[in-house]
N, C-alpha and C. Protein backbone atom coordinates (compact mmCIF):
# COMPACT_ATOMS: atom_id res chain seq x y z
N MET A 1 -14.05 -4.89 -0.77
CA MET A 1 -12.71 -4.36 -0.76
C MET A 1 -12.04 -4.59 -2.11
N ILE A 2 -11.14 -3.70 -2.43
CA ILE A 2 -10.38 -3.78 -3.68
C ILE A 2 -8.92 -3.98 -3.32
N TYR A 3 -8.22 -4.85 -4.05
CA TYR A 3 -6.82 -5.13 -3.78
C TYR A 3 -5.96 -4.63 -4.94
N PHE A 4 -4.90 -3.91 -4.60
CA PHE A 4 -3.95 -3.39 -5.59
C PHE A 4 -2.55 -3.72 -5.14
N GLU A 5 -1.64 -3.82 -6.11
CA GLU A 5 -0.22 -3.92 -5.79
C GLU A 5 0.35 -2.51 -5.84
N GLY A 6 1.34 -2.28 -4.99
CA GLY A 6 1.95 -0.97 -4.95
C GLY A 6 3.36 -1.03 -4.41
N VAL A 7 3.98 0.14 -4.34
CA VAL A 7 5.35 0.27 -3.85
C VAL A 7 5.35 1.29 -2.72
N VAL A 8 6.02 0.97 -1.63
CA VAL A 8 6.13 1.89 -0.50
C VAL A 8 7.04 3.04 -0.91
N MET A 9 6.53 4.26 -0.87
CA MET A 9 7.30 5.44 -1.25
C MET A 9 7.93 6.13 -0.05
N GLU A 10 7.27 6.04 1.10
CA GLU A 10 7.77 6.72 2.29
C GLU A 10 7.20 6.07 3.54
N THR A 11 7.99 6.05 4.60
CA THR A 11 7.50 5.54 5.88
C THR A 11 7.20 6.73 6.78
N LEU A 12 6.11 6.63 7.53
CA LEU A 12 5.66 7.68 8.43
C LEU A 12 5.65 7.14 9.86
N PRO A 13 5.56 8.02 10.85
CA PRO A 13 5.45 7.53 12.23
C PRO A 13 4.17 6.72 12.44
N SER A 14 4.12 5.98 13.52
CA SER A 14 2.96 5.18 13.92
C SER A 14 2.64 4.07 12.92
N VAL A 15 3.66 3.44 12.36
CA VAL A 15 3.53 2.31 11.44
C VAL A 15 2.57 2.64 10.30
N ARG A 16 2.77 3.78 9.67
CA ARG A 16 1.99 4.18 8.51
C ARG A 16 2.95 4.38 7.35
N PHE A 17 2.41 4.26 6.13
CA PHE A 17 3.24 4.31 4.94
C PHE A 17 2.51 5.08 3.84
N ILE A 18 3.26 5.68 2.94
CA ILE A 18 2.69 6.24 1.72
C ILE A 18 3.04 5.26 0.60
N VAL A 19 2.01 4.77 -0.11
CA VAL A 19 2.18 3.73 -1.12
C VAL A 19 1.72 4.27 -2.47
N ARG A 20 2.54 4.04 -3.53
CA ARG A 20 2.14 4.36 -4.90
C ARG A 20 1.50 3.10 -5.48
N ILE A 21 0.25 3.24 -5.90
CA ILE A 21 -0.51 2.08 -6.37
C ILE A 21 -0.25 1.85 -7.85
N ASN A 22 0.01 0.59 -8.21
CA ASN A 22 0.18 0.20 -9.61
C ASN A 22 -1.17 -0.11 -10.22
N ARG A 23 -1.38 0.32 -11.44
CA ARG A 23 -2.64 0.05 -12.13
C ARG A 23 -2.67 -1.37 -12.66
N PRO A 24 -3.85 -1.99 -12.65
CA PRO A 24 -3.95 -3.35 -13.19
C PRO A 24 -3.77 -3.38 -14.70
N ASN A 25 -3.60 -4.55 -15.25
CA ASN A 25 -3.48 -4.79 -16.70
C ASN A 25 -2.23 -4.21 -17.30
N GLY A 26 -1.19 -3.97 -16.49
CA GLY A 26 0.08 -3.53 -17.03
C GLY A 26 0.13 -2.09 -17.48
N LEU A 27 -0.86 -1.28 -17.16
CA LEU A 27 -0.82 0.13 -17.53
C LEU A 27 0.18 0.86 -16.63
N GLU A 28 0.56 2.08 -17.01
CA GLU A 28 1.54 2.80 -16.21
C GLU A 28 1.00 3.08 -14.81
N PRO A 29 1.88 3.20 -13.81
CA PRO A 29 1.43 3.35 -12.42
C PRO A 29 0.59 4.60 -12.22
N LEU A 30 -0.37 4.48 -11.34
CA LEU A 30 -1.25 5.58 -10.98
C LEU A 30 -0.64 6.27 -9.77
N GLU A 31 -0.37 7.54 -9.88
CA GLU A 31 0.30 8.27 -8.82
C GLU A 31 -0.71 8.75 -7.78
N ILE A 32 -1.29 7.82 -7.04
CA ILE A 32 -2.20 8.16 -5.94
C ILE A 32 -1.49 7.85 -4.64
N PRO A 33 -1.07 8.87 -3.90
CA PRO A 33 -0.50 8.56 -2.60
C PRO A 33 -1.58 8.04 -1.67
N CYS A 34 -1.36 6.91 -1.09
CA CYS A 34 -2.35 6.26 -0.24
C CYS A 34 -1.73 6.05 1.13
N ILE A 35 -2.30 6.63 2.17
CA ILE A 35 -1.78 6.45 3.51
C ILE A 35 -2.32 5.12 4.03
N THR A 36 -1.42 4.23 4.38
CA THR A 36 -1.83 2.88 4.77
C THR A 36 -1.27 2.53 6.13
N LYS A 37 -1.84 1.52 6.71
CA LYS A 37 -1.30 0.91 7.92
C LYS A 37 -1.11 -0.56 7.60
N THR A 38 -0.48 -1.28 8.48
CA THR A 38 -0.23 -2.68 8.23
C THR A 38 -1.19 -3.54 9.04
N SER A 39 -1.62 -4.65 8.48
CA SER A 39 -2.47 -5.59 9.20
C SER A 39 -1.73 -6.89 9.45
N LEU A 40 -0.46 -6.90 9.15
CA LEU A 40 0.33 -8.11 9.32
C LEU A 40 0.52 -8.38 10.81
N LYS A 41 0.15 -9.58 11.24
CA LYS A 41 0.22 -9.90 12.67
C LYS A 41 1.65 -10.05 13.15
N SER A 42 2.50 -10.58 12.32
CA SER A 42 3.90 -10.70 12.72
C SER A 42 4.59 -9.36 12.49
N ARG A 43 5.67 -9.17 13.18
CA ARG A 43 6.41 -7.92 13.06
C ARG A 43 7.30 -7.97 11.81
N VAL A 44 6.70 -7.75 10.65
CA VAL A 44 7.44 -7.77 9.40
C VAL A 44 7.95 -6.35 9.14
N LYS A 45 9.22 -6.23 8.85
CA LYS A 45 9.81 -4.92 8.60
C LYS A 45 9.48 -4.50 7.18
N ILE A 46 8.79 -3.38 7.05
CA ILE A 46 8.46 -2.82 5.74
C ILE A 46 9.25 -1.53 5.58
N ILE A 47 10.01 -1.44 4.49
CA ILE A 47 10.84 -0.28 4.25
C ILE A 47 10.52 0.33 2.89
N LYS A 48 11.06 1.50 2.65
CA LYS A 48 10.86 2.20 1.38
C LYS A 48 11.35 1.33 0.22
N GLY A 49 10.52 1.21 -0.81
CA GLY A 49 10.87 0.42 -1.98
C GLY A 49 10.28 -0.98 -2.00
N ASP A 50 9.70 -1.43 -0.89
CA ASP A 50 9.08 -2.76 -0.84
C ASP A 50 7.82 -2.82 -1.70
N SER A 51 7.60 -3.95 -2.34
CA SER A 51 6.35 -4.21 -3.06
C SER A 51 5.34 -4.79 -2.07
N VAL A 52 4.13 -4.25 -2.08
CA VAL A 52 3.11 -4.68 -1.13
C VAL A 52 1.77 -4.81 -1.85
N VAL A 53 0.84 -5.54 -1.21
CA VAL A 53 -0.54 -5.61 -1.66
C VAL A 53 -1.36 -4.79 -0.68
N VAL A 54 -2.15 -3.86 -1.22
CA VAL A 54 -2.93 -2.93 -0.41
C VAL A 54 -4.41 -3.22 -0.60
N GLU A 55 -5.14 -3.24 0.50
CA GLU A 55 -6.58 -3.42 0.49
C GLU A 55 -7.22 -2.03 0.67
N LEU A 56 -8.05 -1.63 -0.30
CA LEU A 56 -8.69 -0.32 -0.26
C LEU A 56 -10.20 -0.45 -0.24
N ASP A 57 -10.83 0.48 0.44
CA ASP A 57 -12.28 0.58 0.44
C ASP A 57 -12.70 1.33 -0.82
N PRO A 58 -13.66 0.85 -1.60
CA PRO A 58 -14.05 1.54 -2.83
C PRO A 58 -14.57 2.96 -2.60
N ASN A 59 -15.04 3.24 -1.39
CA ASN A 59 -15.56 4.58 -1.10
C ASN A 59 -14.47 5.58 -0.75
N ASP A 60 -13.30 5.11 -0.32
CA ASP A 60 -12.21 6.00 0.07
C ASP A 60 -10.90 5.40 -0.41
N LEU A 61 -10.41 5.86 -1.55
CA LEU A 61 -9.19 5.30 -2.13
C LEU A 61 -7.93 5.97 -1.61
N THR A 62 -8.04 6.81 -0.59
CA THR A 62 -6.86 7.48 -0.06
C THR A 62 -6.31 6.79 1.18
N GLN A 63 -7.05 5.86 1.78
CA GLN A 63 -6.56 5.15 2.95
C GLN A 63 -6.80 3.67 2.76
N GLY A 64 -5.86 2.87 3.21
CA GLY A 64 -5.98 1.43 3.04
C GLY A 64 -5.17 0.69 4.07
N THR A 65 -5.04 -0.62 3.83
CA THR A 65 -4.31 -1.50 4.74
C THR A 65 -3.40 -2.40 3.94
N ILE A 66 -2.14 -2.50 4.37
CA ILE A 66 -1.20 -3.41 3.74
C ILE A 66 -1.51 -4.81 4.25
N VAL A 67 -1.83 -5.72 3.33
CA VAL A 67 -2.19 -7.08 3.73
C VAL A 67 -1.11 -8.09 3.40
N GLU A 68 -0.16 -7.73 2.54
CA GLU A 68 0.90 -8.67 2.16
C GLU A 68 2.13 -7.91 1.69
N ARG A 69 3.29 -8.42 2.07
CA ARG A 69 4.56 -7.88 1.56
C ARG A 69 5.14 -8.89 0.59
N LYS A 70 5.52 -8.45 -0.59
CA LYS A 70 6.04 -9.37 -1.60
C LYS A 70 7.55 -9.40 -1.60
């Protein structure tokens, strides 16, 4: 799995989110909309504009899981 930091751009029904992934090493953000779900066991409220850590599968970079809210 690959971990990226990103920003929630939009909330969707069924606890899904569109996240803009930030590129590592301080480069400008990569505009890849990634449809994610949350894996947080507690009911943490995630809203538009939150910084999150996303876990992505290297074979499919369009879907992932939010593993941490910053």
